[in-house]
Amino acid sequence: MNILIEIIGWIGAVLIVGAYSLNIYGVWKTHSLKYIAANFFGGLFFVIHTFVHHAYPSMIVNIIWVFIAMFALLKNKS
């Protein structure tokens, strides 16, 4: 179980940092579905990881991150 949680954490990190770098270099636009989805799933994976490790302040930040991405996804569908 611990290795699965660590893998989830690393995937979350790659998704968020990868999306950020692709955005900075102009590959993904801020409002693109790929960018928002990567942030949503990256944040969600971080929530799982930080919850298991009892890192509650980081967990709260990532819950907010997920909600921001979720609302952006919903807005993007409209």
Protein backbone atom coordinates (compact mmCIF):
# COMPACT_ATOMS: atom_id res chain seq x y z
CA MET A 1 0.00 0.00 0.00
CA ASN A 2 2.79 2.46 0.85
CA ILE A 3 4.44 2.05 -2.55
CA LEU A 4 1.09 2.75 -4.25
CA ILE A 5 0.64 5.96 -2.23
CA GLU A 6 4.16 7.08 -3.14
CA ILE A 7 3.54 6.35 -6.83
CA ILE A 8 0.30 8.36 -6.65
CA GLY A 9 2.23 11.24 -5.06
CA TRP A 10 4.91 11.18 -7.75
CA ILE A 11 2.34 11.04 -10.54
CA GLY A 12 0.61 14.05 -8.98
CA ALA A 13 3.89 15.94 -8.89
CA VAL A 14 4.68 15.12 -12.52
CA LEU A 15 1.20 16.16 -13.64
CA ILE A 16 1.28 19.53 -11.88
CA VAL A 17 4.88 20.46 -12.66
CA GLY A 18 4.57 19.10 -16.19
CA ALA A 19 1.39 21.09 -16.85
CA TYR A 20 2.99 24.22 -15.43
CA SER A 21 6.12 23.90 -17.57
CA LEU A 22 4.10 23.14 -20.72
CA ASN A 23 2.03 26.24 -20.00
CA ILE A 24 5.06 28.45 -19.36
CA TYR A 25 6.66 27.35 -22.65
CA GLY A 26 3.44 27.94 -24.60
CA VAL A 27 2.66 24.32 -25.42
CA TRP A 28 -0.56 24.24 -23.36
CA LYS A 29 -2.81 27.23 -22.91
CA THR A 30 -4.16 28.06 -19.44
CA HIS A 31 -7.74 27.36 -20.48
CA SER A 32 -7.00 24.13 -22.36
CA LEU A 33 -8.69 20.94 -21.21
CA LYS A 34 -5.30 19.17 -20.95
CA TYR A 35 -3.85 21.82 -18.64
CA ILE A 36 -6.88 21.95 -16.36
CA ALA A 37 -7.26 18.15 -16.26
CA ALA A 38 -3.58 17.67 -15.40
CA ASN A 39 -3.96 20.13 -12.53
CA PHE A 40 -7.19 18.47 -11.36
CA PHE A 41 -5.76 14.95 -11.30
CA GLY A 42 -2.38 16.10 -9.99
CA GLY A 43 -4.08 17.92 -7.13
CA LEU A 44 -6.36 14.95 -6.44
CA PHE A 45 -3.38 12.61 -6.26
CA PHE A 46 -1.64 15.03 -3.90
CA VAL A 47 -4.73 15.08 -1.68
CA ILE A 48 -4.56 11.29 -1.38
CA HIS A 49 -0.82 11.34 -0.73
CA THR A 50 -0.91 14.10 1.88
CA PHE A 51 -3.94 12.59 3.64
CA VAL A 52 -2.15 9.27 4.09
CA HIS A 53 0.93 11.06 5.42
CA HIS A 54 -1.15 13.27 7.74
CA ALA A 55 0.17 16.42 6.06
CA TYR A 56 -3.08 18.28 6.59
CA PRO A 57 -2.01 21.84 5.67
CA SER A 58 -0.75 20.59 2.29
CA MET A 59 -3.88 18.49 1.92
CA ILE A 60 -6.09 21.58 2.38
CA VAL A 61 -4.09 23.52 -0.22
CA ASN A 62 -4.50 20.65 -2.67
CA ILE A 63 -8.22 20.33 -1.98
CA ILE A 64 -8.54 24.01 -2.92
CA TRP A 65 -6.37 23.33 -6.00
CA VAL A 66 -8.73 20.51 -7.03
CA PHE A 67 -11.83 22.69 -6.56
CA ILE A 68 -10.32 25.47 -8.66
CA ALA A 69 -9.54 22.99 -11.44
CA MET A 70 -12.96 21.34 -11.11
CA PHE A 71 -14.75 24.68 -11.53
CA ALA A 72 -12.52 25.50 -14.50
CA LEU A 73 -13.38 22.14 -16.09
CA LEU A 74 -17.09 22.80 -15.58
CA LYS A 75 -16.74 26.31 -17.01
CA ASN A 76 -14.78 24.93 -19.95
CA LYS A 77 -17.65 22.54 -20.77
CA SER A 78 -20.13 25.41 -21.08
